[in-house]
Amino acid sequence: MMNDYNNRNAKSYDGELMEKGRKGEEIVIDWLNSIDYYKEVIDMREFRVSQRLDVDCGIETIDGAIVLAEIKTDYNLGKTSNFLFEAFRLNHFVDPDKVFYLGWTFRSPAKYLLYYSPNEHSVYQFRFINIRQIIGKYASQCKPRIHIEPTDDQKTTFNLLIPQSCFTGHVKKWKLSACAEGRQGGNS
């Protein structure tokens, strides 16, 4: 077990995981741009404030409304029956009052979470409000499984694994065409 904690990335926004996530974001943004109901997809990933807020894009609908979305990629979707949600992180080497901070599941102001599943060639669409309500209800009735990830030299991330069945009626699953994924170098 010690080896897992010694093989951390120097930074969480470098390396293979970030590359995989970035590829998933590109595929989802390309997919969003193909939907006629959306007037424009505003890519916000390079804005530092958007990164801190956990918002990847703004989606302008044909009626002029703009909704915010966070995009995640999970290579375990389609292999397990759980969704993974980041609950919090511990920052190891800061002032004691800054050690704990909320994960994207509870911090993001986005309306939607778009979870890309390369294994299923699909995007799961959630409303963050539903995710938070379902996690609360599930935790009141069952003990959630917790996945602890040695994020990088500075942080450890605590994730909740919630059964997909808990989200019945509260998640949409969109199958992507091989064409949409192929344009961004996705799996086909």
N, C-alpha and C. Protein backbone atom coordinates (compact mmCIF):
# COMPACT_ATOMS: atom_id res chain seq x y z
N MET A 1 0.82 -1.19 0.00
CA MET A 1 0.00 0.00 0.00
C MET A 1 0.86 1.26 0.00
N MET A 2 1.98 1.21 0.66
CA MET A 2 2.86 2.38 0.71
C MET A 2 3.31 2.79 -0.69
N ASN A 3 3.51 1.84 -1.58
CA ASN A 3 3.96 2.17 -2.93
C ASN A 3 2.99 3.09 -3.65
N ASP A 4 1.67 2.86 -3.47
CA ASP A 4 0.68 3.73 -4.12
C ASP A 4 0.89 5.18 -3.73
N TYR A 5 1.20 5.42 -2.48
CA TYR A 5 1.35 6.77 -1.98
C TYR A 5 2.70 7.37 -2.33
N ASN A 6 3.66 6.55 -2.67
CA ASN A 6 4.98 7.06 -3.04
C ASN A 6 5.08 7.35 -4.54
N ASN A 7 4.14 6.86 -5.33
CA ASN A 7 4.18 7.06 -6.77
C ASN A 7 3.24 8.16 -7.22
N ARG A 8 3.21 9.24 -6.52
CA ARG A 8 2.32 10.36 -6.84
C ARG A 8 2.91 11.22 -7.95
N ASN A 9 2.02 11.86 -8.69
CA ASN A 9 2.46 12.87 -9.64
C ASN A 9 2.96 14.08 -8.87
N ALA A 10 3.85 14.84 -9.47
CA ALA A 10 4.31 16.07 -8.84
C ALA A 10 3.15 17.06 -8.72
N LYS A 11 2.30 17.11 -9.74
CA LYS A 11 1.11 17.98 -9.73
C LYS A 11 -0.06 17.18 -10.27
N SER A 12 -1.27 17.46 -9.76
CA SER A 12 -2.45 16.72 -10.21
C SER A 12 -2.88 17.11 -11.62
N TYR A 13 -2.46 18.25 -12.11
CA TYR A 13 -2.87 18.68 -13.44
C TYR A 13 -1.81 18.40 -14.49
N ASP A 14 -0.97 17.40 -14.22
CA ASP A 14 0.03 16.94 -15.18
C ASP A 14 -0.16 15.44 -15.36
N GLY A 15 0.42 14.91 -16.40
CA GLY A 15 0.52 13.48 -16.53
C GLY A 15 -0.62 12.81 -17.28
N GLU A 16 -0.62 11.49 -17.19
CA GLU A 16 -1.52 10.64 -17.97
C GLU A 16 -3.00 10.87 -17.65
N LEU A 17 -3.34 10.99 -16.37
CA LEU A 17 -4.74 11.19 -16.00
C LEU A 17 -5.28 12.49 -16.58
N MET A 18 -4.50 13.54 -16.51
CA MET A 18 -4.93 14.82 -17.06
C MET A 18 -5.10 14.72 -18.58
N GLU A 19 -4.20 14.00 -19.22
CA GLU A 19 -4.29 13.82 -20.67
C GLU A 19 -5.56 13.07 -21.05
N LYS A 20 -5.89 12.01 -20.30
CA LYS A 20 -7.12 11.25 -20.56
C LYS A 20 -8.35 12.11 -20.34
N GLY A 21 -8.33 12.89 -19.27
CA GLY A 21 -9.46 13.78 -18.98
C GLY A 21 -9.63 14.83 -20.05
N ARG A 22 -8.53 15.38 -20.50
CA ARG A 22 -8.56 16.41 -21.55
C ARG A 22 -9.15 15.86 -22.84
N LYS A 23 -8.76 14.64 -23.18
CA LYS A 23 -9.28 13.98 -24.39
C LYS A 23 -10.80 13.81 -24.27
N GLY A 24 -11.26 13.39 -23.09
CA GLY A 24 -12.69 13.24 -22.86
C GLY A 24 -13.43 14.56 -22.96
N GLU A 25 -12.84 15.62 -22.42
CA GLU A 25 -13.46 16.94 -22.51
C GLU A 25 -13.63 17.37 -23.97
N GLU A 26 -12.59 17.12 -24.78
CA GLU A 26 -12.66 17.48 -26.20
C GLU A 26 -13.80 16.73 -26.90
N ILE A 27 -13.94 15.45 -26.60
CA ILE A 27 -15.00 14.64 -27.21
C ILE A 27 -16.37 15.15 -26.81
N VAL A 28 -16.54 15.48 -25.53
CA VAL A 28 -17.84 15.97 -25.06
C VAL A 28 -18.15 17.34 -25.64
N ILE A 29 -17.18 18.23 -25.68
CA ILE A 29 -17.42 19.55 -26.27
C ILE A 29 -17.77 19.43 -27.75
N ASP A 30 -17.10 18.53 -28.46
CA ASP A 30 -17.42 18.30 -29.87
C ASP A 30 -18.86 17.79 -30.00
N TRP A 31 -19.24 16.87 -29.13
CA TRP A 31 -20.61 16.34 -29.13
C TRP A 31 -21.61 17.46 -28.85
N LEU A 32 -21.35 18.29 -27.85
CA LEU A 32 -22.25 19.40 -27.53
C LEU A 32 -22.42 20.33 -28.72
N ASN A 33 -21.32 20.59 -29.42
CA ASN A 33 -21.37 21.47 -30.59
C ASN A 33 -22.20 20.89 -31.72
N SER A 34 -22.44 19.59 -31.73
CA SER A 34 -23.23 18.95 -32.78
C SER A 34 -24.73 18.99 -32.50
N ILE A 35 -25.13 19.47 -31.34
CA ILE A 35 -26.55 19.47 -30.96
C ILE A 35 -27.19 20.78 -31.42
N ASP A 36 -28.21 20.67 -32.26
CA ASP A 36 -28.84 21.85 -32.86
C ASP A 36 -29.49 22.77 -31.84
N TYR A 37 -29.95 22.24 -30.72
CA TYR A 37 -30.63 23.07 -29.71
C TYR A 37 -29.68 24.07 -29.06
N TYR A 38 -28.39 23.77 -29.13
CA TYR A 38 -27.42 24.66 -28.52
C TYR A 38 -26.92 25.66 -29.54
N LYS A 39 -27.04 26.92 -29.20
CA LYS A 39 -26.60 28.00 -30.08
C LYS A 39 -25.08 28.09 -30.11
N GLU A 40 -24.48 27.95 -28.90
CA GLU A 40 -23.02 28.03 -28.81
C GLU A 40 -22.56 27.29 -27.56
N VAL A 41 -21.39 26.67 -27.67
CA VAL A 41 -20.73 26.06 -26.52
C VAL A 41 -19.48 26.89 -26.25
N ILE A 42 -19.42 27.46 -25.06
CA ILE A 42 -18.32 28.34 -24.69
C ILE A 42 -17.32 27.53 -23.88
N ASP A 43 -16.17 27.29 -24.46
CA ASP A 43 -15.11 26.50 -23.81
C ASP A 43 -14.43 27.39 -22.77
N MET A 44 -14.57 27.02 -21.50
CA MET A 44 -14.05 27.84 -20.40
C MET A 44 -12.88 27.17 -19.68
N ARG A 45 -12.35 26.09 -20.24
CA ARG A 45 -11.35 25.29 -19.54
C ARG A 45 -10.04 26.00 -19.28
N GLU A 46 -9.70 26.96 -20.08
CA GLU A 46 -8.41 27.64 -19.92
C GLU A 46 -8.46 28.82 -18.96
N PHE A 47 -9.66 29.20 -18.53
CA PHE A 47 -9.80 30.30 -17.59
C PHE A 47 -9.51 29.79 -16.19
N ARG A 48 -8.56 30.41 -15.51
CA ARG A 48 -8.16 29.96 -14.17
C ARG A 48 -9.34 29.96 -13.20
N VAL A 49 -10.19 30.97 -13.27
CA VAL A 49 -11.34 31.03 -12.37
C VAL A 49 -12.29 29.86 -12.64
N SER A 50 -12.46 29.48 -13.88
CA SER A 50 -13.32 28.33 -14.22
C SER A 50 -12.73 27.03 -13.69
N GLN A 51 -11.41 26.92 -13.76
CA GLN A 51 -10.75 25.73 -13.21
C GLN A 51 -10.97 25.64 -11.71
N ARG A 52 -10.85 26.77 -11.03
CA ARG A 52 -11.05 26.79 -9.57
C ARG A 52 -12.49 26.48 -9.20
N LEU A 53 -13.43 26.89 -10.04
CA LEU A 53 -14.85 26.65 -9.77
C LEU A 53 -15.31 25.26 -10.21
N ASP A 54 -14.52 24.58 -11.01
CA ASP A 54 -14.91 23.31 -11.62
C ASP A 54 -16.08 23.51 -12.58
N VAL A 55 -15.84 24.34 -13.58
CA VAL A 55 -16.77 24.57 -14.67
C VAL A 55 -15.95 24.50 -15.95
N ASP A 56 -16.36 23.63 -16.88
CA ASP A 56 -15.61 23.48 -18.12
C ASP A 56 -16.20 24.24 -19.30
N CYS A 57 -17.53 24.42 -19.29
CA CYS A 57 -18.12 25.10 -20.43
C CYS A 57 -19.45 25.74 -20.06
N GLY A 58 -19.80 26.74 -20.87
CA GLY A 58 -21.12 27.34 -20.82
C GLY A 58 -21.86 26.93 -22.07
N ILE A 59 -23.11 26.57 -21.93
CA ILE A 59 -23.91 26.12 -23.07
C ILE A 59 -25.03 27.13 -23.29
N GLU A 60 -24.98 27.82 -24.43
CA GLU A 60 -26.03 28.78 -24.75
C GLU A 60 -27.09 28.08 -25.59
N THR A 61 -28.32 28.08 -25.08
CA THR A 61 -29.42 27.44 -25.78
C THR A 61 -30.02 28.42 -26.79
N ILE A 62 -30.86 27.92 -27.68
CA ILE A 62 -31.42 28.78 -28.72
C ILE A 62 -32.33 29.87 -28.14
N ASP A 63 -32.81 29.68 -26.90
CA ASP A 63 -33.63 30.72 -26.28
C ASP A 63 -32.78 31.75 -25.53
N GLY A 64 -31.43 31.64 -25.61
CA GLY A 64 -30.54 32.63 -25.03
C GLY A 64 -30.06 32.32 -23.63
N ALA A 65 -30.57 31.28 -23.00
CA ALA A 65 -30.11 30.92 -21.66
C ALA A 65 -28.71 30.32 -21.75
N ILE A 66 -27.90 30.56 -20.73
CA ILE A 66 -26.58 29.94 -20.65
C ILE A 66 -26.53 29.10 -19.39
N VAL A 67 -26.24 27.83 -19.57
CA VAL A 67 -26.10 26.92 -18.42
C VAL A 67 -24.65 26.44 -18.37
N LEU A 68 -24.16 26.24 -17.15
CA LEU A 68 -22.79 25.81 -16.95
C LEU A 68 -22.72 24.30 -16.81
N ALA A 69 -21.63 23.71 -17.29
CA ALA A 69 -21.43 22.27 -17.19
C ALA A 69 -19.98 21.96 -16.82
N GLU A 70 -19.83 20.91 -16.04
CA GLU A 70 -18.53 20.34 -15.71
C GLU A 70 -18.43 19.01 -16.45
N ILE A 71 -17.25 18.72 -16.99
CA ILE A 71 -17.04 17.49 -17.75
C ILE A 71 -16.01 16.64 -17.04
N LYS A 72 -16.34 15.38 -16.87
CA LYS A 72 -15.42 14.40 -16.28
C LYS A 72 -15.36 13.19 -17.19
N THR A 73 -14.25 12.47 -17.11
CA THR A 73 -14.07 11.23 -17.85
C THR A 73 -13.78 10.13 -16.85
N ASP A 74 -14.47 8.99 -17.01
CA ASP A 74 -14.26 7.87 -16.09
C ASP A 74 -14.07 6.59 -16.90
N TYR A 75 -12.87 6.05 -16.86
CA TYR A 75 -12.55 4.83 -17.60
C TYR A 75 -13.07 3.57 -16.91
N ASN A 76 -13.69 3.72 -15.74
CA ASN A 76 -14.31 2.58 -15.07
C ASN A 76 -15.79 2.46 -15.36
N LEU A 77 -16.40 3.51 -15.91
CA LEU A 77 -17.81 3.40 -16.28
C LEU A 77 -17.94 2.32 -17.35
N GLY A 78 -18.93 1.49 -17.18
CA GLY A 78 -19.10 0.36 -18.09
C GLY A 78 -18.40 -0.89 -17.60
N LYS A 79 -17.52 -0.75 -16.63
CA LYS A 79 -16.83 -1.89 -16.02
C LYS A 79 -17.36 -2.17 -14.62
N THR A 80 -17.87 -1.14 -13.96
CA THR A 80 -18.42 -1.28 -12.61
C THR A 80 -19.86 -0.79 -12.63
N SER A 81 -20.56 -0.96 -11.56
CA SER A 81 -21.95 -0.50 -11.47
C SER A 81 -22.05 0.75 -10.59
N ASN A 82 -20.94 1.48 -10.46
CA ASN A 82 -20.91 2.68 -9.62
C ASN A 82 -20.57 3.91 -10.43
N PHE A 83 -21.02 5.06 -9.90
CA PHE A 83 -20.51 6.35 -10.33
C PHE A 83 -19.57 6.84 -9.24
N LEU A 84 -18.49 7.51 -9.65
CA LEU A 84 -17.52 8.06 -8.71
C LEU A 84 -17.72 9.57 -8.62
N PHE A 85 -17.81 10.07 -7.38
CA PHE A 85 -17.98 11.50 -7.14
C PHE A 85 -16.93 11.97 -6.14
N GLU A 86 -16.21 13.01 -6.50
CA GLU A 86 -15.18 13.56 -5.61
C GLU A 86 -15.84 14.28 -4.45
N ALA A 87 -15.59 13.80 -3.23
CA ALA A 87 -16.19 14.39 -2.03
C ALA A 87 -15.33 15.51 -1.47
N PHE A 88 -14.04 15.23 -1.27
CA PHE A 88 -13.15 16.26 -0.73
C PHE A 88 -11.70 15.88 -0.96
N ARG A 89 -10.84 16.86 -0.73
CA ARG A 89 -9.39 16.66 -0.82
C ARG A 89 -8.74 17.14 0.47
N LEU A 90 -7.64 16.49 0.80
CA LEU A 90 -6.80 16.95 1.90
C LEU A 90 -5.51 17.49 1.30
N ASN A 91 -5.16 18.70 1.68
CA ASN A 91 -3.93 19.31 1.23
C ASN A 91 -2.93 19.13 2.38
N HIS A 92 -1.84 18.42 2.13
CA HIS A 92 -0.95 17.96 3.19
C HIS A 92 -0.08 19.03 3.83
N PHE A 93 0.29 20.03 3.11
CA PHE A 93 1.35 20.93 3.58
C PHE A 93 0.94 22.39 3.59
N VAL A 94 -0.23 22.68 4.12
CA VAL A 94 -0.70 24.06 4.20
C VAL A 94 -1.09 24.37 5.64
N ASP A 95 -1.50 25.61 5.86
CA ASP A 95 -1.98 25.99 7.18
C ASP A 95 -3.13 25.07 7.58
N PRO A 96 -3.24 24.74 8.86
CA PRO A 96 -4.27 23.80 9.31
C PRO A 96 -5.70 24.18 8.90
N ASP A 97 -5.99 25.47 8.77
CA ASP A 97 -7.35 25.86 8.39
C ASP A 97 -7.61 25.73 6.88
N LYS A 98 -6.60 25.30 6.13
CA LYS A 98 -6.76 25.13 4.68
C LYS A 98 -6.54 23.69 4.22
N VAL A 99 -6.43 22.76 5.16
CA VAL A 99 -6.14 21.37 4.82
C VAL A 99 -7.29 20.72 4.05
N PHE A 100 -8.51 20.99 4.45
CA PHE A 100 -9.70 20.34 3.89
C PHE A 100 -10.37 21.26 2.88
N TYR A 101 -10.71 20.73 1.70
CA TYR A 101 -11.58 21.49 0.81
C TYR A 101 -12.48 20.56 0.02
N LEU A 102 -13.67 21.07 -0.26
CA LEU A 102 -14.69 20.28 -0.94
C LEU A 102 -14.25 19.87 -2.33
N GLY A 103 -14.68 18.69 -2.73
CA GLY A 103 -14.44 18.21 -4.08
C GLY A 103 -15.43 18.81 -5.06
N TRP A 104 -15.21 18.54 -6.32
CA TRP A 104 -16.03 19.14 -7.38
C TRP A 104 -17.51 18.78 -7.26
N THR A 105 -17.84 17.64 -6.69
CA THR A 105 -19.23 17.23 -6.57
C THR A 105 -20.04 18.24 -5.77
N PHE A 106 -19.44 18.79 -4.75
CA PHE A 106 -20.16 19.70 -3.85
C PHE A 106 -19.78 21.17 -4.05
N ARG A 107 -18.72 21.43 -4.78
CA ARG A 107 -18.22 22.79 -4.94
C ARG A 107 -18.67 23.44 -6.25
N SER A 108 -18.81 22.68 -7.30
CA SER A 108 -19.07 23.26 -8.61
C SER A 108 -20.43 23.97 -8.65
N PRO A 109 -20.46 25.20 -9.20
CA PRO A 109 -21.73 25.91 -9.38
C PRO A 109 -22.44 25.50 -10.68
N ALA A 110 -21.84 24.58 -11.43
CA ALA A 110 -22.44 24.16 -12.71
C ALA A 110 -23.80 23.51 -12.47
N LYS A 111 -24.65 23.63 -13.46
CA LYS A 111 -25.96 22.96 -13.40
C LYS A 111 -25.83 21.49 -13.75
N TYR A 112 -24.95 21.20 -14.72
CA TYR A 112 -24.83 19.83 -15.23
C TYR A 112 -23.44 19.25 -15.02
N LEU A 113 -23.42 17.96 -14.77
CA LEU A 113 -22.21 17.16 -14.85
C LEU A 113 -22.37 16.28 -16.08
N LEU A 114 -21.39 16.32 -16.96
CA LEU A 114 -21.36 15.47 -18.14
C LEU A 114 -20.21 14.50 -17.96
N TYR A 115 -20.54 13.24 -17.74
CA TYR A 115 -19.55 12.20 -17.44
C TYR A 115 -19.34 11.38 -18.70
N TYR A 116 -18.15 11.45 -19.26
CA TYR A 116 -17.82 10.70 -20.47
C TYR A 116 -17.32 9.31 -20.10
N SER A 117 -17.89 8.30 -20.75
CA SER A 117 -17.49 6.91 -20.55
C SER A 117 -16.89 6.37 -21.85
N PRO A 118 -15.55 6.34 -21.96
CA PRO A 118 -14.92 5.82 -23.18
C PRO A 118 -15.29 4.36 -23.44
N ASN A 119 -15.46 3.57 -22.38
CA ASN A 119 -15.78 2.15 -22.55
C ASN A 119 -17.14 1.92 -23.17
N GLU A 120 -18.06 2.84 -22.93
CA GLU A 120 -19.43 2.70 -23.45
C GLU A 120 -19.71 3.65 -24.61
N HIS A 121 -18.74 4.49 -24.95
CA HIS A 121 -18.92 5.49 -25.99
C HIS A 121 -20.17 6.32 -25.70
N SER A 122 -20.28 6.77 -24.44
CA SER A 122 -21.48 7.46 -23.98
C SER A 122 -21.13 8.63 -23.08
N VAL A 123 -22.12 9.52 -22.93
CA VAL A 123 -22.05 10.62 -21.98
C VAL A 123 -23.25 10.49 -21.05
N TYR A 124 -22.98 10.50 -19.76
CA TYR A 124 -24.03 10.54 -18.75
C TYR A 124 -24.25 11.99 -18.37
N GLN A 125 -25.50 12.42 -18.38
CA GLN A 125 -25.84 13.80 -18.04
C GLN A 125 -26.60 13.82 -16.71
N PHE A 126 -26.04 14.51 -15.74
CA PHE A 126 -26.64 14.65 -14.42
C PHE A 126 -26.91 16.12 -14.15
N ARG A 127 -27.83 16.40 -13.25
CA ARG A 127 -27.96 17.72 -12.62
C ARG A 127 -27.23 17.62 -11.29
N PHE A 128 -26.38 18.58 -11.00
CA PHE A 128 -25.63 18.53 -9.75
C PHE A 128 -26.56 18.48 -8.54
N ILE A 129 -27.68 19.18 -8.61
CA ILE A 129 -28.59 19.18 -7.47
C ILE A 129 -29.09 17.76 -7.19
N ASN A 130 -29.36 16.98 -8.24
CA ASN A 130 -29.80 15.59 -8.06
C ASN A 130 -28.69 14.73 -7.48
N ILE A 131 -27.46 14.93 -7.96
CA ILE A 131 -26.32 14.16 -7.44
C ILE A 131 -26.22 14.36 -5.93
N ARG A 132 -26.26 15.61 -5.50
CA ARG A 132 -26.09 15.93 -4.08
C ARG A 132 -27.23 15.36 -3.25
N GLN A 133 -28.47 15.45 -3.76
CA GLN A 133 -29.61 14.89 -3.03
C GLN A 133 -29.51 13.37 -2.93
N ILE A 134 -29.13 12.72 -4.00
CA ILE A 134 -29.05 11.26 -4.02
C ILE A 134 -27.92 10.77 -3.12
N ILE A 135 -26.79 11.45 -3.15
CA ILE A 135 -25.69 11.06 -2.25
C ILE A 135 -26.15 11.17 -0.79
N GLY A 136 -26.82 12.26 -0.45
CA GLY A 136 -27.32 12.43 0.91
C GLY A 136 -28.29 11.34 1.31
N LYS A 137 -29.22 11.04 0.43
CA LYS A 137 -30.21 9.99 0.72
C LYS A 137 -29.52 8.62 0.84
N TYR A 138 -28.61 8.34 -0.07
CA TYR A 138 -27.91 7.05 -0.04
C TYR A 138 -27.11 6.90 1.26
N ALA A 139 -26.39 7.97 1.64
CA ALA A 139 -25.57 7.91 2.85
C ALA A 139 -26.42 7.79 4.11
N SER A 140 -27.68 8.23 4.05
CA SER A 140 -28.56 8.09 5.22
C SER A 140 -29.06 6.66 5.38
N GLN A 141 -28.95 5.86 4.31
CA GLN A 141 -29.48 4.50 4.34
C GLN A 141 -28.41 3.42 4.23
N CYS A 142 -27.28 3.76 3.66
CA CYS A 142 -26.22 2.79 3.41
C CYS A 142 -24.86 3.44 3.69
N LYS A 143 -23.88 2.62 3.89
CA LYS A 143 -22.52 3.12 4.05
C LYS A 143 -21.87 3.21 2.67
N PRO A 144 -21.61 4.43 2.18
CA PRO A 144 -21.00 4.54 0.85
C PRO A 144 -19.57 3.99 0.85
N ARG A 145 -19.19 3.39 -0.25
CA ARG A 145 -17.79 2.99 -0.42
C ARG A 145 -16.98 4.24 -0.72
N ILE A 146 -15.80 4.29 -0.16
CA ILE A 146 -14.93 5.45 -0.36
C ILE A 146 -13.66 4.97 -1.06
N HIS A 147 -13.32 5.66 -2.12
CA HIS A 147 -12.09 5.39 -2.87
C HIS A 147 -11.13 6.54 -2.56
N ILE A 148 -9.98 6.21 -2.01
CA ILE A 148 -8.98 7.22 -1.66
C ILE A 148 -7.88 7.20 -2.71
N GLU A 149 -7.63 8.35 -3.30
CA GLU A 149 -6.67 8.48 -4.39
C GLU A 149 -5.51 9.38 -3.97
N PRO A 150 -4.27 8.88 -4.01
CA PRO A 150 -3.11 9.75 -3.77
C PRO A 150 -2.93 10.67 -4.98
N THR A 151 -3.53 11.82 -4.92
CA THR A 151 -3.65 12.70 -6.08
C THR A 151 -2.31 13.17 -6.61
N ASP A 152 -1.53 13.78 -5.75
CA ASP A 152 -0.20 14.25 -6.14
C ASP A 152 0.63 14.45 -4.87
N ASP A 153 1.80 15.06 -5.00
CA ASP A 153 2.69 15.27 -3.85
C ASP A 153 2.03 16.09 -2.74
N GLN A 154 1.06 16.88 -3.10
CA GLN A 154 0.45 17.82 -2.15
C GLN A 154 -0.91 17.38 -1.61
N LYS A 155 -1.62 16.50 -2.33
CA LYS A 155 -3.03 16.24 -2.00
C LYS A 155 -3.39 14.75 -2.05
N THR A 156 -4.44 14.42 -1.27
CA THR A 156 -5.09 13.12 -1.33
C THR A 156 -6.58 13.38 -1.54
N THR A 157 -7.19 12.66 -2.47
CA THR A 157 -8.59 12.87 -2.83
C THR A 157 -9.45 11.71 -2.31
N PHE A 158 -10.60 12.06 -1.74
CA PHE A 158 -11.56 11.09 -1.22
C PHE A 158 -12.80 11.13 -2.11
N ASN A 159 -13.10 9.98 -2.72
CA ASN A 159 -14.22 9.88 -3.65
C ASN A 159 -15.27 8.93 -3.10
N LEU A 160 -16.53 9.23 -3.41
CA LEU A 160 -17.64 8.36 -3.04
C LEU A 160 -18.03 7.52 -4.25
N LEU A 161 -18.23 6.23 -4.03
CA LEU A 161 -18.73 5.33 -5.06
C LEU A 161 -20.21 5.08 -4.76
N ILE A 162 -21.07 5.54 -5.65
CA ILE A 162 -22.51 5.43 -5.46
C ILE A 162 -23.08 4.54 -6.57
N PRO A 163 -23.88 3.52 -6.21
CA PRO A 163 -24.43 2.63 -7.23
C PRO A 163 -25.22 3.39 -8.30
N GLN A 164 -25.01 2.99 -9.55
CA GLN A 164 -25.71 3.63 -10.65
C GLN A 164 -27.22 3.50 -10.50
N SER A 165 -27.67 2.42 -9.89
CA SER A 165 -29.11 2.19 -9.73
C SER A 165 -29.77 3.29 -8.90
N CYS A 166 -29.05 3.97 -8.06
CA CYS A 166 -29.60 5.07 -7.26
C CYS A 166 -30.02 6.25 -8.12
N PHE A 167 -29.52 6.32 -9.34
CA PHE A 167 -29.77 7.48 -10.21
C PHE A 167 -30.85 7.22 -11.25
N THR A 168 -31.53 6.09 -11.16
CA THR A 168 -32.60 5.79 -12.11
C THR A 168 -33.61 6.94 -12.12
N GLY A 169 -33.88 7.47 -13.30
CA GLY A 169 -34.79 8.60 -13.44
C GLY A 169 -34.13 9.95 -13.22
N HIS A 170 -32.84 9.96 -12.86
CA HIS A 170 -32.13 11.21 -12.58
C HIS A 170 -30.86 11.36 -13.40
N VAL A 171 -30.69 10.54 -14.39
CA VAL A 171 -29.52 10.62 -15.26
C VAL A 171 -29.95 10.26 -16.68
N LYS A 172 -29.39 10.96 -17.65
CA LYS A 172 -29.61 10.62 -19.05
C LYS A 172 -28.32 10.05 -19.59
N LYS A 173 -28.43 9.03 -20.40
CA LYS A 173 -27.26 8.44 -21.03
C LYS A 173 -27.38 8.65 -22.54
N TRP A 174 -26.38 9.33 -23.08
CA TRP A 174 -26.35 9.64 -24.51
C TRP A 174 -25.27 8.80 -25.17
N LYS A 175 -25.66 8.03 -26.16
CA LYS A 175 -24.71 7.23 -26.93
C LYS A 175 -24.08 8.12 -27.99
N LEU A 176 -22.76 8.14 -28.04
CA LEU A 176 -22.05 8.95 -29.03
C LEU A 176 -21.85 8.16 -30.30
N SER A 177 -21.87 8.86 -31.40
CA SER A 177 -21.58 8.19 -32.66
C SER A 177 -20.08 8.00 -32.78
N ALA A 178 -19.67 6.97 -33.48
CA ALA A 178 -18.24 6.73 -33.71
C ALA A 178 -17.63 7.92 -34.43
N CYS A 179 -18.44 8.59 -35.25
CA CYS A 179 -17.95 9.76 -35.99
C CYS A 179 -17.56 10.87 -35.04
N ALA A 180 -18.40 11.16 -34.04
CA ALA A 180 -18.11 12.24 -33.09
C ALA A 180 -16.84 11.94 -32.31
N GLU A 181 -16.67 10.70 -31.87
CA GLU A 181 -15.48 10.35 -31.11
C GLU A 181 -14.24 10.29 -32.00
N GLY A 182 -14.42 9.84 -33.21
CA GLY A 182 -13.30 9.69 -34.14
C GLY A 182 -12.64 11.01 -34.49
N ARG A 183 -13.44 12.08 -34.54
CA ARG A 183 -12.89 13.41 -34.88
C ARG A 183 -11.89 13.86 -33.82
N GLN A 184 -12.06 13.41 -32.58
CA GLN A 184 -11.16 13.84 -31.52
C GLN A 184 -10.19 12.72 -31.14
N GLY A 185 -10.13 11.67 -31.89
CA GLY A 185 -9.20 10.59 -31.59
C GLY A 185 -9.70 9.68 -30.49
N GLY A 186 -11.01 9.66 -30.25
CA GLY A 186 -11.57 8.81 -29.21
C GLY A 186 -11.61 7.35 -29.61
N ASN A 187 -11.94 6.50 -28.65
CA ASN A 187 -12.08 5.08 -28.94
C ASN A 187 -13.30 4.86 -29.81
N SER A 188 -13.20 3.88 -30.70
CA SER A 188 -14.37 3.56 -31.53
C SER A 188 -14.66 2.08 -31.47
